[in-house]
């Protein structure tokens, strides 16, 4: 059987690896602990650049679902203790129409893979209306307008401690919308993790 192809460069990967050796070396690890982004404590292991960005795009746009486990491994390996613990994982929602077109929510797949690794439950309690258009390239103000109504699903009680999970954070607009909905529903402790974040954010 041929070795898998690297989603970043198209070269061959070593067995059990999501990236080839050259692209693994290109991962841009972020130093330090959580920062506050849009009023939410956020931690991400990687910058949204280079091979890290290629993994995000492959999961999000090319249906490379097995990458969720490799990305979750990167998150779990350095997850700050104060963010894990008894918190339930809540995936960031996507508009229903885009979810139907794509067939999956990449944040949901990432949360499920992370939950298996750190032993935390996944509570898919958020839903989102609004534009189904992509957020890529929009300003924070445009993203907030396009975000639509993020709300807690009917008949799904949110946990009291939440760790929001997303694949990538750029402006923080989506995190802010999710945080507002969860806090309004009574969530007492809230933080977030993402696989990657835009450098400088």
C-alpha atoms as a PDB file:
ATOM      1  CA  UNK A   1       0.000   0.000   0.000  1.00  0.00           C
ATOM      2  CA  UNK A   2       1.343   3.441  -0.930  1.00  0.00           C
ATOM      3  CA  UNK A   3       2.188   5.790   1.961  1.00  0.00           C
ATOM      4  CA  UNK A   4      -0.268   8.616   2.598  1.00  0.00           C
ATOM      5  CA  UNK A   5       0.298  11.965   0.945  1.00  0.00           C
ATOM      6  CA  UNK A   6       1.177  15.046   2.955  1.00  0.00           C
ATOM      7  CA  UNK A   7      -1.780  17.488   2.927  1.00  0.00           C
ATOM      8  CA  UNK A   8       0.628  20.433   2.943  1.00  0.00           C
ATOM      9  CA  UNK A   9       2.995  19.601   0.061  1.00  0.00           C
ATOM     10  CA  UNK A  10       1.693  16.415  -1.550  1.00  0.00           C
ATOM     11  CA  UNK A  11       4.826  14.430  -0.697  1.00  0.00           C
ATOM     12  CA  UNK A  12       4.856  11.057   1.033  1.00  0.00           C
ATOM     13  CA  UNK A  13       4.381  10.831   4.802  1.00  0.00           C
ATOM     14  CA  UNK A  14       6.034   8.385   7.147  1.00  0.00           C
ATOM     15  CA  UNK A  15       3.713   5.736   8.535  1.00  0.00           C
ATOM     16  CA  UNK A  16       1.516   7.129  11.294  1.00  0.00           C
ATOM     17  CA  UNK A  17       2.340  10.756  10.483  1.00  0.00           C
ATOM     18  CA  UNK A  18      -0.105  13.396   9.221  1.00  0.00           C
ATOM     19  CA  UNK A  19       2.675  15.459   7.592  1.00  0.00           C
ATOM     20  CA  UNK A  20       5.936  14.670   5.844  1.00  0.00           C
ATOM     21  CA  UNK A  21       9.133  15.338   7.797  1.00  0.00           C
ATOM     22  CA  UNK A  22       9.785  18.652   6.033  1.00  0.00           C
ATOM     23  CA  UNK A  23       6.303  19.992   6.721  1.00  0.00           C
ATOM     24  CA  UNK A  24       6.433  18.792  10.346  1.00  0.00           C
ATOM     25  CA  UNK A  25       9.547  20.934  10.707  1.00  0.00           C
ATOM     26  CA  UNK A  26       7.577  23.867   9.261  1.00  0.00           C
ATOM     27  CA  UNK A  27       4.947  23.804  12.028  1.00  0.00           C
ATOM     28  CA  UNK A  28       5.095  27.142  13.833  1.00  0.00           C
ATOM     29  CA  UNK A  29       4.537  26.454  17.511  1.00  0.00           C
ATOM     30  CA  UNK A  30       3.291  29.314  19.660  1.00  0.00           C
ATOM     31  CA  UNK A  31       4.967  29.994  23.003  1.00  0.00           C
ATOM     32  CA  UNK A  32       3.271  30.740  26.291  1.00  0.00           C
ATOM     33  CA  UNK A  33      -0.099  30.113  27.865  1.00  0.00           C
ATOM     34  CA  UNK A  34      -3.606  31.347  27.166  1.00  0.00           C
ATOM     35  CA  UNK A  35      -4.317  34.885  26.001  1.00  0.00           C
ATOM     36  CA  UNK A  36      -7.583  36.793  26.136  1.00  0.00           C
ATOM     37  CA  UNK A  37      -9.152  37.160  22.686  1.00  0.00           C
ATOM     38  CA  UNK A  38     -12.541  38.894  22.339  1.00  0.00           C
ATOM     39  CA  UNK A  39     -13.099  38.520  26.074  1.00  0.00           C
ATOM     40  CA  UNK A  40     -12.393  34.765  26.082  1.00  0.00           C
ATOM     41  CA  UNK A  41      -9.305  32.980  27.409  1.00  0.00           C
ATOM     42  CA  UNK A  42      -7.888  31.191  24.374  1.00  0.00           C
ATOM     43  CA  UNK A  43      -4.996  28.820  23.839  1.00  0.00           C
ATOM     44  CA  UNK A  44      -3.768  27.384  20.546  1.00  0.00           C
ATOM     45  CA  UNK A  45      -0.591  25.376  19.994  1.00  0.00           C
ATOM     46  CA  UNK A  46       0.166  26.650  16.479  1.00  0.00           C
ATOM     47  CA  UNK A  47       0.208  29.772  14.357  1.00  0.00           C
ATOM     48  CA  UNK A  48      -2.195  29.794  11.416  1.00  0.00           C
ATOM     49  CA  UNK A  49       0.657  29.779   8.923  1.00  0.00           C
ATOM     50  CA  UNK A  50       2.746  27.288   7.010  1.00  0.00           C
ATOM     51  CA  UNK A  51       1.964  23.614   7.559  1.00  0.00           C
ATOM     52  CA  UNK A  52      -0.439  24.335  10.411  1.00  0.00           C
ATOM     53  CA  UNK A  53      -2.638  26.374   8.086  1.00  0.00           C
ATOM     54  CA  UNK A  54      -2.442  23.596   5.491  1.00  0.00           C
ATOM     55  CA  UNK A  55      -3.781  21.064   8.010  1.00  0.00           C
ATOM     56  CA  UNK A  56      -6.657  23.382   8.931  1.00  0.00           C
ATOM     57  CA  UNK A  57      -7.591  23.901   5.281  1.00  0.00           C
ATOM     58  CA  UNK A  58      -7.372  20.186   4.487  1.00  0.00           C
ATOM     59  CA  UNK A  59      -9.746  19.327   7.336  1.00  0.00           C
ATOM     60  CA  UNK A  60     -12.106  22.213   6.642  1.00  0.00           C
ATOM     61  CA  UNK A  61     -12.296  22.287   2.852  1.00  0.00           C
ATOM     62  CA  UNK A  62     -10.993  18.954   1.535  1.00  0.00           C
ATOM     63  CA  UNK A  63     -12.781  16.546   3.858  1.00  0.00           C
ATOM     64  CA  UNK A  64      -9.553  15.115   5.294  1.00  0.00           C
ATOM     65  CA  UNK A  65     -11.371  13.984   8.436  1.00  0.00           C
ATOM     66  CA  UNK A  66      -8.625  11.679   9.789  1.00  0.00           C
ATOM     67  CA  UNK A  67      -6.496  14.805  10.314  1.00  0.00           C
ATOM     68  CA  UNK A  68      -8.751  15.765  13.227  1.00  0.00           C
ATOM     69  CA  UNK A  69      -7.051  13.145  15.397  1.00  0.00           C
ATOM     70  CA  UNK A  70      -3.535  14.382  14.595  1.00  0.00           C
ATOM     71  CA  UNK A  71      -4.615  17.969  15.259  1.00  0.00           C
ATOM     72  CA  UNK A  72      -6.256  16.940  18.540  1.00  0.00           C
ATOM     73  CA  UNK A  73      -2.997  15.243  19.536  1.00  0.00           C
ATOM     74  CA  UNK A  74      -1.146  18.535  19.056  1.00  0.00           C
ATOM     75  CA  UNK A  75      -3.709  20.325  21.227  1.00  0.00           C
ATOM     76  CA  UNK A  76      -3.748  17.667  23.950  1.00  0.00           C
ATOM     77  CA  UNK A  77       0.057  17.504  24.165  1.00  0.00           C
ATOM     78  CA  UNK A  78       0.348  21.075  25.423  1.00  0.00           C
ATOM     79  CA  UNK A  79      -3.119  21.870  26.776  1.00  0.00           C
ATOM     80  CA  UNK A  80      -2.727  24.103  29.856  1.00  0.00           C
ATOM     81  CA  UNK A  81      -4.059  22.317  32.941  1.00  0.00           C
ATOM     82  CA  UNK A  82      -6.259  25.243  33.915  1.00  0.00           C
ATOM     83  CA  UNK A  83      -8.246  24.930  30.689  1.00  0.00           C
ATOM     84  CA  UNK A  84      -9.012  21.218  30.855  1.00  0.00           C
ATOM     85  CA  UNK A  85     -10.135  19.502  34.008  1.00  0.00           C
ATOM     86  CA  UNK A  86     -13.869  19.162  34.454  1.00  0.00           C
ATOM     87  CA  UNK A  87     -14.813  21.373  31.491  1.00  0.00           C
ATOM     88  CA  UNK A  88     -17.021  19.918  28.763  1.00  0.00           C
ATOM     89  CA  UNK A  89     -15.978  20.502  25.164  1.00  0.00           C
ATOM     90  CA  UNK A  90     -18.403  22.587  23.101  1.00  0.00           C
ATOM     91  CA  UNK A  91     -17.688  22.781  19.358  1.00  0.00           C
ATOM     92  CA  UNK A  92     -18.139  26.135  17.643  1.00  0.00           C
ATOM     93  CA  UNK A  93     -21.197  25.814  15.375  1.00  0.00           C
ATOM     94  CA  UNK A  94     -21.468  26.543  11.673  1.00  0.00           C
ATOM     95  CA  UNK A  95     -24.541  27.718   9.736  1.00  0.00           C
ATOM     96  CA  UNK A  96     -26.970  24.902   8.981  1.00  0.00           C
ATOM     97  CA  UNK A  97     -26.811  25.415   5.220  1.00  0.00           C
ATOM     98  CA  UNK A  98     -23.018  25.247   5.113  1.00  0.00           C
ATOM     99  CA  UNK A  99     -23.045  22.209   7.407  1.00  0.00           C
ATOM    100  CA  UNK A 100     -25.487  20.499   5.048  1.00  0.00           C
ATOM    101  CA  UNK A 101     -23.358  21.338   1.993  1.00  0.00           C
ATOM    102  CA  UNK A 102     -20.099  20.212   3.582  1.00  0.00           C
ATOM    103  CA  UNK A 103     -21.565  17.243   5.427  1.00  0.00           C
ATOM    104  CA  UNK A 104     -19.712  17.868   8.680  1.00  0.00           C
ATOM    105  CA  UNK A 105     -18.552  20.549  11.096  1.00  0.00           C
ATOM    106  CA  UNK A 106     -14.766  20.481  11.419  1.00  0.00           C
ATOM    107  CA  UNK A 107     -14.902  21.950  14.947  1.00  0.00           C
ATOM    108  CA  UNK A 108     -17.205  19.114  15.976  1.00  0.00           C
ATOM    109  CA  UNK A 109     -14.794  16.511  14.564  1.00  0.00           C
ATOM    110  CA  UNK A 110     -11.875  18.191  16.323  1.00  0.00           C
ATOM    111  CA  UNK A 111     -13.780  18.345  19.640  1.00  0.00           C
ATOM    112  CA  UNK A 112     -14.683  14.653  19.397  1.00  0.00           C
ATOM    113  CA  UNK A 113     -11.054  13.680  18.753  1.00  0.00           C
ATOM    114  CA  UNK A 114      -9.826  15.901  21.583  1.00  0.00           C
ATOM    115  CA  UNK A 115     -12.468  14.549  23.952  1.00  0.00           C
ATOM    116  CA  UNK A 116     -11.272  10.988  23.333  1.00  0.00           C
ATOM    117  CA  UNK A 117      -7.701  11.998  24.119  1.00  0.00           C
ATOM    118  CA  UNK A 118      -8.302  13.965  27.317  1.00  0.00           C
ATOM    119  CA  UNK A 119     -11.376  12.122  28.603  1.00  0.00           C
ATOM    120  CA  UNK A 120     -13.759  15.086  28.412  1.00  0.00           C
ATOM    121  CA  UNK A 121     -17.373  14.926  27.232  1.00  0.00           C
ATOM    122  CA  UNK A 122     -18.488  16.766  24.110  1.00  0.00           C
ATOM    123  CA  UNK A 123     -21.719  18.736  24.416  1.00  0.00           C
ATOM    124  CA  UNK A 124     -22.887  20.019  21.026  1.00  0.00           C
ATOM    125  CA  UNK A 125     -25.208  22.643  22.498  1.00  0.00           C
ATOM    126  CA  UNK A 126     -24.761  25.620  20.147  1.00  0.00           C
ATOM    127  CA  UNK A 127     -26.387  26.370  16.819  1.00  0.00           C
ATOM    128  CA  UNK A 128     -25.979  29.228  14.434  1.00  0.00           C
ATOM    129  CA  UNK A 129     -28.121  31.077  11.949  1.00  0.00           C
ATOM    130  CA  UNK A 130     -26.939  33.866   9.687  1.00  0.00           C
ATOM    131  CA  UNK A 131     -24.883  33.878   6.529  1.00  0.00           C
ATOM    132  CA  UNK A 132     -23.490  30.651   5.171  1.00  0.00           C
ATOM    133  CA  UNK A 133     -20.759  32.537   3.322  1.00  0.00           C
ATOM    134  CA  UNK A 134     -17.130  31.957   4.281  1.00  0.00           C
ATOM    135  CA  UNK A 135     -15.538  34.100   6.985  1.00  0.00           C
ATOM    136  CA  UNK A 136     -12.110  34.029   5.322  1.00  0.00           C
ATOM    137  CA  UNK A 137     -10.859  37.487   4.383  1.00  0.00           C
ATOM    138  CA  UNK A 138     -13.512  39.430   6.295  1.00  0.00           C
ATOM    139  CA  UNK A 139     -12.772  42.106   8.875  1.00  0.00           C
ATOM    140  CA  UNK A 140     -13.860  41.539  12.468  1.00  0.00           C
ATOM    141  CA  UNK A 141     -16.824  43.888  11.963  1.00  0.00           C
ATOM    142  CA  UNK A 142     -17.898  42.029   8.810  1.00  0.00           C
ATOM    143  CA  UNK A 143     -17.528  38.713  10.609  1.00  0.00           C
ATOM    144  CA  UNK A 144     -19.706  39.906  13.476  1.00  0.00           C
ATOM    145  CA  UNK A 145     -22.411  41.020  11.041  1.00  0.00           C
ATOM    146  CA  UNK A 146     -22.251  37.733   9.149  1.00  0.00           C
ATOM    147  CA  UNK A 147     -22.113  35.604  12.284  1.00  0.00           C
ATOM    148  CA  UNK A 148     -25.856  35.727  12.735  1.00  0.00           C
ATOM    149  CA  UNK A 149     -27.595  34.431  15.783  1.00  0.00           C
ATOM    150  CA  UNK A 150     -25.535  32.000  17.847  1.00  0.00           C
ATOM    151  CA  UNK A 151     -27.803  30.407  20.415  1.00  0.00           C
ATOM    152  CA  UNK A 152     -28.036  27.449  22.740  1.00  0.00           C
ATOM    153  CA  UNK A 153     -30.039  24.615  21.197  1.00  0.00           C
ATOM    154  CA  UNK A 154     -33.502  24.057  22.585  1.00  0.00           C
ATOM    155  CA  UNK A 155     -33.663  21.106  24.992  1.00  0.00           C
ATOM    156  CA  UNK A 156     -29.868  20.946  25.327  1.00  0.00           C
ATOM    157  CA  UNK A 157     -28.688  22.378  28.625  1.00  0.00           C
ATOM    158  CA  UNK A 158     -25.158  23.783  28.401  1.00  0.00           C
ATOM    159  CA  UNK A 159     -22.632  22.532  30.967  1.00  0.00           C
ATOM    160  CA  UNK A 160     -21.576  24.877  33.742  1.00  0.00           C
ATOM    161  CA  UNK A 161     -17.921  24.695  32.658  1.00  0.00           C
ATOM    162  CA  UNK A 162     -17.175  25.002  28.960  1.00  0.00           C
ATOM    163  CA  UNK A 163     -14.102  24.723  26.793  1.00  0.00           C
ATOM    164  CA  UNK A 164     -15.047  25.985  23.336  1.00  0.00           C
ATOM    165  CA  UNK A 165     -13.282  24.163  20.493  1.00  0.00           C
ATOM    166  CA  UNK A 166     -12.555  25.572  17.039  1.00  0.00           C
ATOM    167  CA  UNK A 167     -10.096  24.771  14.284  1.00  0.00           C
ATOM    168  CA  UNK A 168      -8.721  28.293  13.828  1.00  0.00           C
ATOM    169  CA  UNK A 169      -9.176  31.729  15.408  1.00  0.00           C
ATOM    170  CA  UNK A 170      -8.486  34.872  13.412  1.00  0.00           C
ATOM    171  CA  UNK A 171     -10.398  37.948  14.621  1.00  0.00           C
ATOM    172  CA  UNK A 172     -12.151  36.287  17.578  1.00  0.00           C
ATOM    173  CA  UNK A 173     -15.606  37.326  16.353  1.00  0.00           C
ATOM    174  CA  UNK A 174     -16.966  33.779  16.347  1.00  0.00           C
ATOM    175  CA  UNK A 175     -15.635  33.116  19.848  1.00  0.00           C
ATOM    176  CA  UNK A 176     -17.282  36.311  21.087  1.00  0.00           C
ATOM    177  CA  UNK A 177     -20.672  35.283  19.664  1.00  0.00           C
ATOM    178  CA  UNK A 178     -20.464  31.827  21.200  1.00  0.00           C
ATOM    179  CA  UNK A 179     -19.373  33.221  24.554  1.00  0.00           C
ATOM    180  CA  UNK A 180     -22.318  35.640  24.678  1.00  0.00           C
ATOM    181  CA  UNK A 181     -24.814  32.848  24.048  1.00  0.00           C
ATOM    182  CA  UNK A 182     -23.288  30.518  26.623  1.00  0.00           C
ATOM    183  CA  UNK A 183     -22.949  33.138  29.338  1.00  0.00           C
ATOM    184  CA  UNK A 184     -26.540  34.248  28.765  1.00  0.00           C
ATOM    185  CA  UNK A 185     -27.558  30.614  29.296  1.00  0.00           C
ATOM    186  CA  UNK A 186     -25.817  30.500  32.665  1.00  0.00           C
ATOM    187  CA  UNK A 187     -22.365  29.081  31.905  1.00  0.00           C
ATOM    188  CA  UNK A 188     -20.110  30.067  34.813  1.00  0.00           C
ATOM    189  CA  UNK A 189     -16.654  29.133  33.513  1.00  0.00           C
ATOM    190  CA  UNK A 190     -15.676  29.524  29.876  1.00  0.00           C
ATOM    191  CA  UNK A 191     -12.429  29.275  27.931  1.00  0.00           C
ATOM    192  CA  UNK A 192     -11.460  28.166  24.426  1.00  0.00           C
ATOM    193  CA  UNK A 193      -8.918  26.163  22.478  1.00  0.00           C
ATOM    194  CA  UNK A 194      -8.179  26.188  18.784  1.00  0.00           C
ATOM    195  CA  UNK A 195      -5.699  24.251  16.716  1.00  0.00           C
ATOM    196  CA  UNK A 196      -4.240  27.441  15.251  1.00  0.00           C
ATOM    197  CA  UNK A 197      -4.575  31.188  15.544  1.00  0.00           C
ATOM    198  CA  UNK A 198      -3.548  34.071  13.365  1.00  0.00           C
ATOM    199  CA  UNK A 199      -0.095  35.305  14.448  1.00  0.00           C
ATOM    200  CA  UNK A 200      -0.402  38.449  16.544  1.00  0.00           C
ATOM    201  CA  UNK A 201      -4.034  37.796  17.520  1.00  0.00           C
END
